[in-house]
Protein backbone atom coordinates (compact mmCIF):
# COMPACT_ATOMS: atom_id res chain seq x y z
CA MET A 1 58.73 -69.16 10.00
CA THR A 2 61.88 -69.65 12.03
CA PHE A 3 64.75 -72.09 11.60
CA LEU A 4 67.88 -72.95 13.56
CA PRO A 5 70.87 -70.80 12.52
CA LYS A 6 72.77 -73.77 11.07
CA LEU A 7 69.92 -74.41 8.60
CA ALA A 8 70.07 -71.02 6.86
CA GLY A 9 72.68 -72.08 4.31
CA GLN A 10 70.82 -75.32 3.60
CA ILE A 11 67.62 -73.40 2.89
CA ILE A 12 69.28 -70.82 0.64
CA SER A 13 71.13 -73.51 -1.33
CA ALA A 14 67.90 -75.56 -1.69
CA LYS A 15 69.43 -78.58 0.06
CA LYS A 16 66.64 -78.30 2.63
CA THR A 17 63.27 -78.13 0.89
CA ALA A 18 60.89 -79.08 3.69
CA THR A 19 60.29 -78.84 7.40
CA ILE A 20 58.23 -80.89 9.79
CA ARG A 21 56.28 -78.93 12.37
CA ASP A 22 53.57 -79.38 14.97
CA VAL A 23 50.04 -77.99 14.88
CA SER A 24 51.23 -74.46 15.80
CA ASP A 25 52.59 -74.13 12.23
CA SER A 26 49.69 -75.87 10.49
CA HIS A 27 48.12 -72.56 9.36
CA PHE A 28 50.41 -72.14 6.35
CA PHE A 29 49.02 -72.85 2.87
CA ALA A 30 50.32 -73.61 -0.62
CA GLY A 31 51.29 -70.50 -2.54
CA GLN A 32 51.92 -68.44 0.59
CA VAL A 33 55.22 -66.51 0.69
CA VAL A 34 56.70 -66.04 4.16
CA ASP A 35 59.92 -64.76 5.65
CA ALA A 36 62.35 -67.41 6.84
CA ARG A 37 64.13 -66.14 9.95
CA VAL A 38 66.70 -67.41 12.42
CA HIS A 39 65.05 -68.79 15.55
CA GLY A 40 65.90 -66.69 18.59
CA THR A 41 67.30 -63.65 16.78
CA GLU A 42 64.65 -63.24 14.06
CA GLN A 43 67.47 -62.42 11.60
CA TYR A 44 66.12 -62.50 8.06
CA ILE A 45 67.31 -65.45 5.94
CA CYS A 46 65.15 -65.21 2.82
CA GLN A 47 61.60 -65.53 1.65
CA ILE A 48 60.21 -68.99 1.04
CA GLU A 49 57.14 -70.04 -0.88
CA ILE A 50 55.06 -72.82 0.62
CA ILE A 51 54.63 -75.51 -2.03
CA ASP A 52 52.50 -77.91 -0.02
CA ILE A 53 51.50 -78.74 3.53
CA LYS A 54 50.24 -82.15 4.55
CA PRO A 55 49.38 -83.71 7.88
CA ILE A 56 51.59 -86.68 8.69
CA GLN A 57 51.84 -89.09 11.58
CA TYR A 58 55.21 -89.56 13.26
CA HIS A 59 55.29 -93.27 12.32
CA GLU A 60 54.78 -92.34 8.62
CA LEU A 61 58.04 -90.40 8.35
CA ASN A 62 60.29 -92.02 5.76
CA ARG A 63 63.46 -91.61 3.71
CA SER A 64 61.91 -89.05 1.35
CA HIS A 65 61.03 -86.82 4.31
CA ALA A 66 64.57 -87.12 5.66
CA LYS A 67 66.02 -86.29 2.23
CA ALA A 68 63.85 -83.14 1.94
CA GLU A 69 65.12 -82.13 5.39
CA ASN A 70 68.69 -82.68 4.09
CA LEU A 71 69.26 -85.56 6.49
CA PRO A 72 70.93 -88.84 5.46
CA PHE A 73 68.72 -91.23 7.43
CA VAL A 74 65.12 -91.36 8.64
CA PHE A 75 66.21 -92.45 12.13
CA ILE A 76 68.06 -89.14 12.51
CA LEU A 77 64.94 -87.24 11.42
CA LYS A 78 62.81 -89.16 13.91
CA TRP A 79 65.34 -88.58 16.69
CA LEU A 80 65.36 -84.81 15.99
CA ILE A 81 61.56 -84.66 15.83
CA ARG A 82 61.33 -86.42 19.21
CA ARG A 83 63.73 -83.87 20.72
CA ILE A 84 61.73 -80.92 19.36
CA TYR A 85 58.21 -82.33 19.70
CA PRO A 86 58.33 -85.04 22.39
CA GLY A 87 55.27 -87.26 22.30
CA GLU A 88 53.65 -85.57 19.28
CA GLN A 89 52.15 -88.02 16.81
CA GLN A 90 50.31 -85.55 14.53
CA LEU A 91 52.78 -83.43 12.58
CA PHE A 92 52.76 -81.33 9.41
CA TYR A 93 55.10 -81.77 6.46
CA ILE A 94 55.69 -78.37 4.85
CA GLN A 95 57.45 -78.28 1.48
CA PHE A 96 58.91 -74.96 0.32
CA LYS A 97 61.26 -73.29 -2.12
CA VAL A 98 63.31 -70.10 -1.92
CA HIS A 99 61.41 -67.14 -3.28
CA GLY A 100 63.60 -64.35 -4.66
CA ASP A 101 67.10 -63.35 -3.52
CA SER A 102 68.61 -63.68 -0.06
CA PRO A 103 70.91 -61.14 1.61
CA TYR A 104 71.99 -63.71 4.24
């Protein structure tokens, strides 16, 4: 699973504990351990364990989702989601935790 470079530190420090993705990342499942990598370079960040994955509609996004994404307000989360997934209504809320040590 890839993340923007600026999110690596947030993931490792457990400030970011979830991500919201479109259907292309809906194949993950609870208990799965995957490599977190930097989008574009594929640089290894750490391993993350998927805690849960749930379908969610764009209009259902709320403060708890923003907090898990380490964002202060839900309107910022919704703005970012619209920039990444314009027009998508069906999304997937993926909760995770760092699994093991990170050399990042």
